[in-house]
C-alpha atoms as a PDB file:
ATOM      1  CA  MET A   1      73.711  -5.384  40.901  1.00  0.00           C
ATOM      2  CA  LYS A   2      72.142  -8.841  41.127  1.00  0.00           C
ATOM      3  CA  TRP A   3      70.701  -7.986  44.564  1.00  0.00           C
ATOM      4  CA  ILE A   4      69.218  -4.745  43.260  1.00  0.00           C
ATOM      5  CA  THR A   5      67.760  -6.551  40.256  1.00  0.00           C
ATOM      6  CA  GLY A   6      66.231  -9.181  42.543  1.00  0.00           C
ATOM      7  CA  ILE A   7      64.632  -6.563  44.748  1.00  0.00           C
ATOM      8  CA  TRP A   8      63.238  -4.839  41.657  1.00  0.00           C
ATOM      9  CA  LEU A   9      61.795  -8.051  40.257  1.00  0.00           C
ATOM     10  CA  LEU A  10      60.255  -8.959  43.617  1.00  0.00           C
ATOM     11  CA  ALA A  11      58.664  -5.532  43.885  1.00  0.00           C
ATOM     12  CA  LEU A  12      57.465  -5.704  40.305  1.00  0.00           C
ATOM     13  CA  GLY A  13      55.966  -9.152  40.871  1.00  0.00           C
ATOM     14  CA  GLY A  14      54.238  -7.976  44.027  1.00  0.00           C
ATOM     15  CA  TRP A  15      52.754  -5.033  42.169  1.00  0.00           C
ATOM     16  CA  PHE A  16      51.232  -7.321  39.562  1.00  0.00           C
ATOM     17  CA  VAL A  17      49.870  -9.674  42.210  1.00  0.00           C
ATOM     18  CA  GLY A  18      48.335  -6.781  44.137  1.00  0.00           C
ATOM     19  CA  CYS A  19      46.691  -5.271  41.072  1.00  0.00           C
ATOM     20  CA  GLY A  20      45.333  -8.531  39.662  1.00  0.00           C
ATOM     21  CA  PRO A  21      44.562  -9.172  35.976  1.00  0.00           C
ATOM     22  CA  VAL A  22      43.680  -6.254  33.742  1.00  0.00           C
ATOM     23  CA  ALA A  23      39.939  -6.243  32.942  1.00  0.00           C
ATOM     24  CA  GLU A  24      38.998  -6.594  29.285  1.00  0.00           C
ATOM     25  CA  ILE A  25      37.531  -3.411  27.852  1.00  0.00           C
ATOM     26  CA  PRO A  26      33.950  -4.092  26.633  1.00  0.00           C
ATOM     27  CA  ARG A  27      33.432  -3.809  22.892  1.00  0.00           C
ATOM     28  CA  PRO A  28      31.324  -0.739  21.987  1.00  0.00           C
ATOM     29  CA  ILE A  29      27.847  -1.633  20.692  1.00  0.00           C
ATOM     30  CA  SER A  30      28.619   0.270  17.493  1.00  0.00           C
ATOM     31  CA  ASP A  31      31.382  -2.281  16.850  1.00  0.00           C
ATOM     32  CA  SER A  32      29.613  -5.390  18.152  1.00  0.00           C
ATOM     33  CA  VAL A  33      26.679  -4.958  15.736  1.00  0.00           C
ATOM     34  CA  LYS A  34      29.171  -5.486  12.910  1.00  0.00           C
ATOM     35  CA  VAL A  35      30.239  -8.904  14.233  1.00  0.00           C
ATOM     36  CA  GLY A  36      28.661 -11.734  12.260  1.00  0.00           C
ATOM     37  CA  LEU A  37      26.955  -9.324   9.850  1.00  0.00           C
ATOM     38  CA  LEU A  38      26.540 -11.352   6.648  1.00  0.00           C
ATOM     39  CA  MET A  39      24.569  -8.806   4.651  1.00  0.00           C
ATOM     40  CA  HIS A  40      23.348  -5.250   5.032  1.00  0.00           C
ATOM     41  CA  TYR A  41      21.267  -3.538   2.365  1.00  0.00           C
ATOM     42  CA  ALA A  42      20.312   0.052   3.218  1.00  0.00           C
ATOM     43  CA  MET A  43      17.473  -0.063   0.650  1.00  0.00           C
ATOM     44  CA  ASP A  44      17.865   3.650   0.049  1.00  0.00           C
ATOM     45  CA  GLY A  45      18.744   3.476  -3.645  1.00  0.00           C
ATOM     46  CA  ASN A  46      22.199   2.040  -2.998  1.00  0.00           C
ATOM     47  CA  ASN A  47      21.901  -1.642  -3.921  1.00  0.00           C
ATOM     48  CA  LYS A  48      25.360  -2.600  -2.637  1.00  0.00           C
ATOM     49  CA  ASP A  49      25.746  -5.022   0.260  1.00  0.00           C
ATOM     50  CA  LEU A  50      27.317  -2.730   2.857  1.00  0.00           C
ATOM     51  CA  ALA A  51      28.810  -5.800   4.583  1.00  0.00           C
ATOM     52  CA  GLY A  52      30.732  -6.525   1.367  1.00  0.00           C
ATOM     53  CA  ASN A  53      29.806 -10.204   1.143  1.00  0.00           C
ATOM     54  CA  ASN A  54      27.048 -10.521  -1.460  1.00  0.00           C
ATOM     55  CA  PRO A  55      26.076  -9.254  -4.944  1.00  0.00           C
ATOM     56  CA  ASP A  56      23.964  -6.157  -5.460  1.00  0.00           C
ATOM     57  CA  LEU A  57      20.298  -6.229  -4.499  1.00  0.00           C
ATOM     58  CA  GLN A  58      18.212  -6.605  -7.678  1.00  0.00           C
ATOM     59  CA  VAL A  59      15.307  -4.193  -7.310  1.00  0.00           C
ATOM     60  CA  VAL A  60      12.456  -4.699  -9.792  1.00  0.00           C
ATOM     61  CA  GLY A  61       9.569  -2.265 -10.075  1.00  0.00           C
ATOM     62  CA  ALA A  62       9.906  -0.858  -6.564  1.00  0.00           C
ATOM     63  CA  THR A  63      10.453   2.864  -6.027  1.00  0.00           C
ATOM     64  CA  ILE A  64      12.695   4.955  -3.793  1.00  0.00           C
ATOM     65  CA  LYS A  65      10.797   7.655  -1.898  1.00  0.00           C
ATOM     66  CA  PRO A  66      11.137   9.611   1.349  1.00  0.00           C
ATOM     67  CA  SER A  67      10.538   7.339   4.309  1.00  0.00           C
ATOM     68  CA  VAL A  68       8.688  10.033   6.280  1.00  0.00           C
ATOM     69  CA  ARG A  69      10.013   8.300   9.404  1.00  0.00           C
ATOM     70  CA  GLU A  70       9.807  10.513  12.477  1.00  0.00           C
ATOM     71  CA  GLY A  71      13.031  12.378  13.152  1.00  0.00           C
ATOM     72  CA  LYS A  72      14.580  11.363   9.798  1.00  0.00           C
ATOM     73  CA  PRO A  73      13.745  14.209   7.388  1.00  0.00           C
ATOM     74  CA  ASN A  74      16.285  13.247   4.706  1.00  0.00           C
ATOM     75  CA  GLU A  75      15.831   9.482   4.810  1.00  0.00           C
ATOM     76  CA  VAL A  76      14.506   7.418   1.873  1.00  0.00           C
ATOM     77  CA  ALA A  77      13.289   3.822   1.644  1.00  0.00           C
ATOM     78  CA  THR A  78      12.242   1.195  -0.914  1.00  0.00           C
ATOM     79  CA  TYR A  79       8.473   1.067  -1.525  1.00  0.00           C
ATOM     80  CA  PHE A  80       6.588  -1.938  -2.901  1.00  0.00           C
ATOM     81  CA  ASN A  81       3.094  -1.534  -4.376  1.00  0.00           C
ATOM     82  CA  GLY A  82       1.615  -4.912  -3.427  1.00  0.00           C
ATOM     83  CA  THR A  83       1.831  -6.510  -6.869  1.00  0.00           C
ATOM     84  CA  ARG A  84       3.923  -9.393  -8.188  1.00  0.00           C
ATOM     85  CA  ALA A  85       5.928  -6.970 -10.331  1.00  0.00           C
ATOM     86  CA  ASN A  86       7.421  -5.138  -7.305  1.00  0.00           C
ATOM     87  CA  TYR A  87      10.185  -6.904  -5.378  1.00  0.00           C
ATOM     88  CA  ALA A  88      13.889  -7.016  -4.578  1.00  0.00           C
ATOM     89  CA  ALA A  89      15.811 -10.220  -5.351  1.00  0.00           C
ATOM     90  CA  LEU A  90      18.283 -11.136  -2.628  1.00  0.00           C
ATOM     91  CA  PRO A  91      21.201 -13.278  -3.866  1.00  0.00           C
ATOM     92  CA  ILE A  92      23.117 -14.823  -0.953  1.00  0.00           C
ATOM     93  CA  THR A  93      26.638 -16.075  -1.668  1.00  0.00           C
ATOM     94  CA  ASN A  94      27.842 -16.453   1.938  1.00  0.00           C
ATOM     95  CA  ASN A  95      24.946 -18.672   3.063  1.00  0.00           C
ATOM     96  CA  ILE A  96      27.316 -21.361   4.382  1.00  0.00           C
ATOM     97  CA  ALA A  97      28.380 -18.936   7.145  1.00  0.00           C
ATOM     98  CA  VAL A  98      25.189 -19.775   9.062  1.00  0.00           C
ATOM     99  CA  ASN A  99      25.146 -22.983  11.081  1.00  0.00           C
ATOM    100  CA  GLY A 100      22.903 -23.027  14.103  1.00  0.00           C
ATOM    101  CA  ALA A 101      21.981 -19.352  14.623  1.00  0.00           C
ATOM    102  CA  LEU A 102      20.773 -16.334  12.666  1.00  0.00           C
ATOM    103  CA  SER A 103      19.171 -12.927  13.141  1.00  0.00           C
ATOM    104  CA  ILE A 104      17.309 -10.772  10.625  1.00  0.00           C
ATOM    105  CA  ALA A 105      16.742  -7.063  11.347  1.00  0.00           C
ATOM    106  CA  PHE A 106      14.852  -4.496   9.263  1.00  0.00           C
ATOM    107  CA  TRP A 107      12.578  -1.462   9.306  1.00  0.00           C
ATOM    108  CA  ALA A 108       9.164  -1.765   7.618  1.00  0.00           C
ATOM    109  CA  LYS A 109       5.769  -0.140   7.372  1.00  0.00           C
ATOM    110  CA  GLU A 110       2.568  -1.500   5.859  1.00  0.00           C
ATOM    111  CA  SER A 111       0.731   0.975   3.638  1.00  0.00           C
ATOM    112  CA  GLY A 112      -1.950  -1.245   2.079  1.00  0.00           C
ATOM    113  CA  PRO A 113      -3.486  -4.737   2.035  1.00  0.00           C
ATOM    114  CA  GLY A 114      -1.042  -6.218  -0.450  1.00  0.00           C
ATOM    115  CA  LEU A 115      -1.744  -9.434  -2.370  1.00  0.00           C
ATOM    116  CA  TYR A 116      -3.065 -12.648  -0.733  1.00  0.00           C
ATOM    117  CA  SER A 117      -0.798 -13.313   2.276  1.00  0.00           C
ATOM    118  CA  PRO A 118       1.795 -10.547   1.901  1.00  0.00           C
ATOM    119  CA  ARG A 119       5.424 -11.480   2.490  1.00  0.00           C
ATOM    120  CA  VAL A 120       7.699  -8.679   3.702  1.00  0.00           C
ATOM    121  CA  PHE A 121      10.470 -11.135   2.799  1.00  0.00           C
ATOM    122  CA  GLU A 122      10.971 -14.817   2.105  1.00  0.00           C
ATOM    123  CA  LEU A 123      14.175 -16.889   2.079  1.00  0.00           C
ATOM    124  CA  TRP A 124      13.814 -19.900  -0.194  1.00  0.00           C
ATOM    125  CA  PRO A 125      16.170 -22.930  -0.302  1.00  0.00           C
ATOM    126  CA  GLY A 126      14.293 -24.609  -3.151  1.00  0.00           C
ATOM    127  CA  ASN A 127      12.154 -26.763  -0.850  1.00  0.00           C
ATOM    128  CA  TYR A 128      10.309 -26.593   2.450  1.00  0.00           C
ATOM    129  CA  GLY A 129      13.259 -27.697   4.566  1.00  0.00           C
ATOM    130  CA  PRO A 130      15.974 -25.911   6.584  1.00  0.00           C
ATOM    131  CA  GLY A 131      16.608 -22.372   5.405  1.00  0.00           C
ATOM    132  CA  PHE A 132      12.982 -21.703   4.461  1.00  0.00           C
ATOM    133  CA  TYR A 133      11.904 -18.560   6.360  1.00  0.00           C
ATOM    134  CA  TRP A 134       9.241 -15.934   5.770  1.00  0.00           C
ATOM    135  CA  PHE A 135       7.779 -12.845   7.419  1.00  0.00           C
ATOM    136  CA  ASN A 136       4.133 -11.966   6.733  1.00  0.00           C
ATOM    137  CA  TRP A 137       2.318  -8.711   7.440  1.00  0.00           C
ATOM    138  CA  TYR A 138      -1.404  -8.720   6.697  1.00  0.00           C
ATOM    139  CA  GLN A 139      -4.132  -6.420   8.046  1.00  0.00           C
ATOM    140  CA  GLY A 140      -1.998  -5.283  10.951  1.00  0.00           C
ATOM    141  CA  LYS A 141      -0.876  -8.798  11.983  1.00  0.00           C
ATOM    142  CA  ILE A 142       2.638 -10.176  11.546  1.00  0.00           C
ATOM    143  CA  LYS A 143       3.906 -13.755  11.360  1.00  0.00           C
ATOM    144  CA  TRP A 144       7.508 -15.057  11.482  1.00  0.00           C
ATOM    145  CA  ALA A 145       7.591 -18.645  10.234  1.00  0.00           C
ATOM    146  CA  GLY A 146       9.686 -21.572   9.065  1.00  0.00           C
ATOM    147  CA  PRO A 147       9.084 -25.031   7.590  1.00  0.00           C
ATOM    148  CA  ASP A 148       7.486 -26.487  10.732  1.00  0.00           C
ATOM    149  CA  TRP A 149       6.842 -23.556  13.106  1.00  0.00           C
ATOM    150  CA  GLU A 150       5.397 -20.065  13.243  1.00  0.00           C
ATOM    151  CA  ILE A 151       5.064 -17.187  15.702  1.00  0.00           C
ATOM    152  CA  GLN A 152       2.083 -14.868  15.313  1.00  0.00           C
ATOM    153  CA  PRO A 153       1.929 -12.208  18.056  1.00  0.00           C
ATOM    154  CA  LYS A 154      -1.454 -10.903  19.165  1.00  0.00           C
ATOM    155  CA  GLN A 155      -0.462  -7.263  18.695  1.00  0.00           C
ATOM    156  CA  VAL A 156      -2.015  -5.257  15.863  1.00  0.00           C
ATOM    157  CA  PHE A 157       0.410  -2.929  14.058  1.00  0.00           C
ATOM    158  CA  ASP A 158      -0.750   0.393  12.657  1.00  0.00           C
ATOM    159  CA  ARG A 159      -0.777   1.025   8.935  1.00  0.00           C
ATOM    160  CA  ASN A 160       1.589   3.739   7.656  1.00  0.00           C
ATOM    161  CA  LYS A 161       3.683   3.577  10.819  1.00  0.00           C
ATOM    162  CA  TRP A 162       7.323   2.465  10.822  1.00  0.00           C
ATOM    163  CA  TYR A 163       8.393  -0.435  13.045  1.00  0.00           C
ATOM    164  CA  HIS A 164      11.790  -1.978  13.639  1.00  0.00           C
ATOM    165  CA  PHE A 165      11.680  -5.787  13.579  1.00  0.00           C
ATOM    166  CA  VAL A 166      14.328  -8.280  14.652  1.00  0.00           C
ATOM    167  CA  VAL A 167      13.738 -12.028  14.345  1.00  0.00           C
ATOM    168  CA  THR A 168      16.225 -14.563  15.720  1.00  0.00           C
ATOM    169  CA  HIS A 169      16.540 -18.353  15.603  1.00  0.00           C
ATOM    170  CA  ASP A 170      19.028 -20.592  17.380  1.00  0.00           C
ATOM    171  CA  VAL A 171      18.941 -24.062  18.948  1.00  0.00           C
ATOM    172  CA  ASN A 172      17.467 -22.646  22.170  1.00  0.00           C
ATOM    173  CA  ALA A 173      14.734 -20.264  21.036  1.00  0.00           C
ATOM    174  CA  ILE A 174      12.962 -18.342  18.268  1.00  0.00           C
ATOM    175  CA  ARG A 175      12.239 -14.685  19.055  1.00  0.00           C
ATOM    176  CA  ILE A 176      10.552 -11.561  17.664  1.00  0.00           C
ATOM    177  CA  TYR A 177      11.569  -8.075  18.793  1.00  0.00           C
ATOM    178  CA  VAL A 178       9.609  -4.957  17.821  1.00  0.00           C
ATOM    179  CA  ASN A 179      10.969  -1.464  18.430  1.00  0.00           C
ATOM    180  CA  GLY A 180      13.665  -2.831  20.692  1.00  0.00           C
ATOM    181  CA  GLU A 181      11.437  -5.020  22.873  1.00  0.00           C
ATOM    182  CA  LEU A 182      10.952  -8.791  22.924  1.00  0.00           C
ATOM    183  CA  ILE A 183       7.280  -9.505  22.149  1.00  0.00           C
ATOM    184  CA  SER A 184       7.241 -13.255  21.318  1.00  0.00           C
ATOM    185  CA  LYS A 185       9.390 -16.292  22.025  1.00  0.00           C
ATOM    186  CA  ILE A 186       9.299 -20.058  21.426  1.00  0.00           C
ATOM    187  CA  ASN A 187      11.621 -22.119  23.618  1.00  0.00           C
ATOM    188  CA  LEU A 188      13.380 -24.945  21.786  1.00  0.00           C
ATOM    189  CA  LEU A 189      15.880 -25.989  24.477  1.00  0.00           C
ATOM    190  CA  GLY A 190      18.175 -27.746  22.041  1.00  0.00           C
ATOM    191  CA  SER A 191      15.422 -29.849  20.457  1.00  0.00           C
ATOM    192  CA  ILE A 192      16.754 -29.166  16.959  1.00  0.00           C
ATOM    193  CA  PRO A 193      20.317 -29.609  15.643  1.00  0.00           C
ATOM    194  CA  PRO A 194      22.411 -26.641  14.440  1.00  0.00           C
ATOM    195  CA  ALA A 195      22.250 -28.021  10.879  1.00  0.00           C
ATOM    196  CA  ALA A 196      18.508 -27.287  10.857  1.00  0.00           C
ATOM    197  CA  ILE A 197      19.228 -23.544  11.105  1.00  0.00           C
ATOM    198  CA  LYS A 198      20.920 -22.288   7.971  1.00  0.00           C
ATOM    199  CA  LEU A 199      20.673 -19.668   5.265  1.00  0.00           C
ATOM    200  CA  PRO A 200      19.543 -20.473   1.699  1.00  0.00           C
ATOM    201  CA  LYS A 201      21.143 -19.119  -1.465  1.00  0.00           C
ATOM    202  CA  PHE A 202      18.221 -16.956  -2.475  1.00  0.00           C
ATOM    203  CA  GLY A 203      15.500 -14.725  -1.092  1.00  0.00           C
ATOM    204  CA  GLU A 204      13.200 -11.873  -2.040  1.00  0.00           C
ATOM    205  CA  ILE A 205      12.025  -8.766  -0.221  1.00  0.00           C
ATOM    206  CA  GLY A 206       8.527  -7.531  -1.031  1.00  0.00           C
ATOM    207  CA  ARG A 207       6.966 -10.818  -2.134  1.00  0.00           C
ATOM    208  CA  MET A 208       7.112 -14.616  -1.979  1.00  0.00           C
ATOM    209  CA  ALA A 209      10.450 -15.925  -3.287  1.00  0.00           C
ATOM    210  CA  GLN A 210       9.331 -19.349  -4.502  1.00  0.00           C
ATOM    211  CA  LYS A 211       6.898 -17.855  -7.028  1.00  0.00           C
ATOM    212  CA  ASP A 212       5.626 -14.412  -8.015  1.00  0.00           C
ATOM    213  CA  GLY A 213       2.832 -14.069  -5.472  1.00  0.00           C
ATOM    214  CA  ASP A 214       1.931 -12.986  -1.945  1.00  0.00           C
ATOM    215  CA  ALA A 215       3.196  -9.419  -2.421  1.00  0.00           C
ATOM    216  CA  PHE A 216       3.743  -6.804   0.297  1.00  0.00           C
ATOM    217  CA  GLU A 217       2.380  -3.257   0.027  1.00  0.00           C
ATOM    218  CA  GLY A 218       4.593  -0.956   2.022  1.00  0.00           C
ATOM    219  CA  ALA A 219       8.197   0.086   2.561  1.00  0.00           C
ATOM    220  CA  VAL A 220      11.382  -1.588   3.808  1.00  0.00           C
ATOM    221  CA  ARG A 221      14.788  -0.216   4.727  1.00  0.00           C
ATOM    222  CA  ASP A 222      18.016  -1.231   6.511  1.00  0.00           C
ATOM    223  CA  PHE A 223      17.760  -4.998   5.940  1.00  0.00           C
ATOM    224  CA  ARG A 224      20.418  -7.054   7.796  1.00  0.00           C
ATOM    225  CA  ILE A 225      21.185 -10.751   8.302  1.00  0.00           C
ATOM    226  CA  TYR A 226      23.579 -12.058  10.988  1.00  0.00           C
ATOM    227  CA  ASN A 227      25.075 -15.510  11.530  1.00  0.00           C
ATOM    228  CA  ARG A 228      24.345 -15.312  15.259  1.00  0.00           C
ATOM    229  CA  THR A 229      21.572 -14.233  17.624  1.00  0.00           C
ATOM    230  CA  ILE A 230      22.175 -10.591  18.419  1.00  0.00           C
ATOM    231  CA  SER A 231      21.746  -9.415  22.002  1.00  0.00           C
ATOM    232  CA  TYR A 232      18.983  -7.303  23.544  1.00  0.00           C
ATOM    233  CA  ASN A 233      21.385  -4.340  23.753  1.00  0.00           C
ATOM    234  CA  GLU A 234      22.288  -4.739  20.086  1.00  0.00           C
ATOM    235  CA  VAL A 235      18.613  -4.939  19.117  1.00  0.00           C
ATOM    236  CA  ASN A 236      18.021  -1.664  20.980  1.00  0.00           C
ATOM    237  CA  TYR A 237      21.027  -0.038  19.346  1.00  0.00           C
ATOM    238  CA  LEU A 238      19.740  -0.856  15.854  1.00  0.00           C
ATOM    239  CA  TYR A 239      16.270   0.408  16.760  1.00  0.00           C
ATOM    240  CA  ASN A 240      17.668   3.747  17.896  1.00  0.00           C
ATOM    241  CA  GLN A 241      19.647   4.415  14.724  1.00  0.00           C
END
């Protein structure tokens, strides 16, 4: 019996050696885009954070109307009219989850000139230090900026046309993706510490967060913030939803 058992164990061991380690099954993109998702507001009339981490979005003055996005006949979005009285307050209770990397993804379209230097969104830590981020869209030009940097691509974006934007920031680079493609990048190469990249406790969509000005005229939907830089494949997946 011992001899038989030994032969069996030897054969079994040889089988494992011959086959090698079992390869890890890749995580589906539909699952990976949920990893590190700190907040997700659909901006379709449901003000709940779909990630389950933050309070309800506080929509003031803005309206819910059909998005008229191609291929999405039943979709709605949140529309801002370019005045100080139209915005969505963004309370952030899990801001400490970001330390060294973040991504912000959203759909938007510009429908008018807005007010002054229109902010699609602004994250405001109470000063001009780490955590201060904003995204401008004015006369077809966009700008993704922080306390001591900005990226302003040369492309001109059409009015009344939907675009999917993803902006990322980590210790190596700052990037802008539009409709699934990387269009701008600043290399940092570790020149800033992880503590310089964090999330504040408050933000607003549709206008400047630090005061009631610089208002966006247009629509926003599917607003997400991650505590990591999402991959090119994940950016494409979100664009194609």
